[in-house]
Protein backbone atom coordinates (compact mmCIF):
# COMPACT_ATOMS: atom_id res chain seq x y z
CA MET A 1 0.11 0.11 -0.02
CA VAL A 2 2.50 2.06 0.72
CA ALA A 3 4.64 1.50 -2.66
CA ALA A 4 1.45 2.56 -4.71
CA TYR A 5 0.79 5.67 -2.61
CA ARG A 6 4.36 6.65 -2.92
CA ASP A 7 4.14 6.20 -6.91
CA GLY A 8 0.94 8.17 -6.79
CA ASN A 9 -1.15 5.16 -7.24
CA ILE A 10 -4.09 6.71 -5.46
CA LYS A 11 -6.83 4.28 -7.17
CA GLU A 12 -4.87 1.14 -6.21
CA THR A 13 -3.72 2.58 -3.00
CA HIS A 14 -8.02 2.82 -2.29
CA ARG A 15 -8.25 -0.48 -3.05
CA LEU A 16 -5.85 -1.96 -1.13
CA GLN A 17 -7.28 0.04 1.70
CA LYS A 18 -10.77 -1.49 1.35
CA LYS A 19 -9.31 -4.86 1.05
CA LEU A 20 -7.30 -4.45 4.35
CA ILE A 21 -10.50 -3.48 6.25
CA MET A 22 -12.74 -6.19 4.62
CA SER A 23 -10.17 -8.89 5.52
CA PHE A 24 -10.43 -10.50 8.96
CA GLU A 25 -7.20 -10.31 9.36
CA GLY A 26 -7.27 -7.19 9.01
CA ARG A 27 -9.67 -6.24 11.12
CA SER A 28 -8.61 -8.96 14.11
CA LEU A 29 -5.11 -6.80 13.81
CA ALA A 30 -6.75 -3.71 14.56
CA VAL A 31 -8.73 -5.45 17.44
CA ARG A 32 -5.47 -6.92 18.66
CA LYS A 33 -3.96 -3.60 18.37
CA VAL A 34 -6.78 -1.63 20.51
CA THR A 35 -6.92 -4.28 23.44
CA SER A 36 -2.87 -5.11 23.81
CA ASN A 37 -1.88 -1.35 24.24
CA GLU A 38 -1.94 0.29 27.78
CA GLY A 39 -5.26 1.99 26.67
CA GLY A 40 -6.99 -1.34 25.96
CA LYS A 41 -8.50 -1.84 29.38
CA THR A 42 -9.98 1.85 29.03
CA PRO A 43 -13.80 1.61 27.26
CA GLY A 44 -14.61 3.71 24.34
CA ILE A 45 -17.59 5.81 23.25
CA ASP A 46 -19.49 2.98 23.17
CA ASN A 47 -18.83 1.90 27.06
CA ILE A 48 -17.29 -1.14 26.18
CA THR A 49 -14.30 -3.28 26.86
CA TRP A 50 -12.94 -6.58 25.17
CA HIS A 51 -10.83 -8.65 27.94
CA ASN A 52 -12.38 -11.67 26.80
CA PRO A 53 -11.62 -13.99 23.58
CA TYR A 54 -15.57 -14.24 22.91
CA LEU A 55 -15.88 -10.45 22.86
CA LYS A 56 -13.15 -9.47 20.63
CA TYR A 57 -14.10 -12.13 18.23
CA ASN A 58 -17.60 -10.36 18.02
CA ALA A 59 -16.16 -6.98 17.63
CA ILE A 60 -14.32 -8.26 14.36
CA ILE A 61 -17.58 -10.12 13.27
CA GLY A 62 -19.57 -6.29 14.07
CA LEU A 63 -16.71 -4.39 12.44
CA ARG A 64 -17.48 -6.43 9.08
CA THR A 65 -21.28 -5.90 9.35
CA THR A 66 -20.86 -2.45 10.03
CA LEU A 67 -18.37 -1.92 7.15
CA LEU A 68 -20.64 -3.89 4.93
CA THR A 69 -23.76 -2.04 5.77
CA LYS A 70 -21.67 1.27 4.52
CA PHE A 71 -19.52 0.33 1.99
CA THR A 72 -21.27 2.13 -0.89
CA THR A 73 -20.89 5.20 0.96
CA TYR A 74 -17.40 4.37 2.62
CA LYS A 75 -15.02 6.80 1.32
CA ALA A 76 -11.19 5.84 2.24
CA HIS A 77 -9.20 8.13 4.22
CA ARG A 78 -6.09 9.76 3.28
CA ILE A 79 -2.40 7.72 4.42
CA LYS A 80 -0.65 8.87 7.11
CA ARG A 81 2.84 9.36 6.75
CA VAL A 82 4.63 8.26 9.61
């Protein structure tokens, strides 16, 4: 994705972003990053913490459901430079 962005291929970058957020591995990695840092014990704006595997799995499935309902209106954001 970084190589596509660096080459100026915005269409390919957006395609890869959508592929990443729709894949099970991408969503599970996102949930893992959120729950494994120090702020993982702090509830978010929905007042929910994912502290066991069952809740984490439900969060991954819930992300897919949310993304599928909003997929037609979803617009990928710009890539953050590091």
